Amino acid sequence: MLAECKEHGYYRGKACPICNKEGKFLMSDKELKKLSSVLIGILRHFPQQFGVRLDEHGWGDIEEICRAIRDKIDRFYWLRRKHVEALALTDEKGRYQIKDGKIRATYAHTIEVDLSDLPMADVDVLYYPVTEEEVDIILEQGILPTDRNKVHLSGSIEKAMEAGKIRTENPIILKIDAKKAMEEGIDIRKAGKDVYVADEIDAKYISKLE
């Protein structure tokens, strides 16, 4: 469940992970899962379906989003700003940013957004999972966006494997020389706790992880 501790803020679970006290209930796991799906859909894919306006950087007003969800989905008649903030601030993947009463998703968009205000990547190496059939093509042609607007890279081999197993049982991990790429003008941004985005990655920065 999602709850709020008076001393330590929002958390997920039965008790505050810091003081182990039971906080104020905000929503059940079922409600949290459904709201997460709706919110990420609005911020990444279909704001127009809810009548929500996002600016060029993907920011939307939290109060407006709450009203839109309440109007569209009866079960969320109770939804208020604090519920959205609690969901975003406790998201394990770091998929959201909140600032000045607004919220946005930081990666995996299919709508056009300008993410150039995200922080620059601060790592030397990144990783990208592929299938066996894709390896030679990518090593020759580089990485381009597929079903999303940006190329999404992982900060660790473990996370790349996790992402790759969504598509194939035995993903092959490619290594990206992020340091050299950025030194030569490739824009790579940190978009989540372990997610980095770029417009594309040239083949000369890519090698097969041995």
Foldseek 3Di string as FASTA:
>chain_A
DWFADPVPGIEDDQADPPPRHGGGDDDDPVVLVVVVVVVQCCQAPPVVVLPWDADQASKTALQSVLVSCVVVPVVSVVDDSSSVVSSQVHDPWNQWDDDDRIMHGQDQHADHHDNLPFAFDDDQKWKAWDAPVCVVVCLQFFFADDNGQWDKIFQDPVVNQVVNCVPPVDIWMKMFRVVVCVVVPWTWGDRTPTIITGRTGGSVRIDTDD
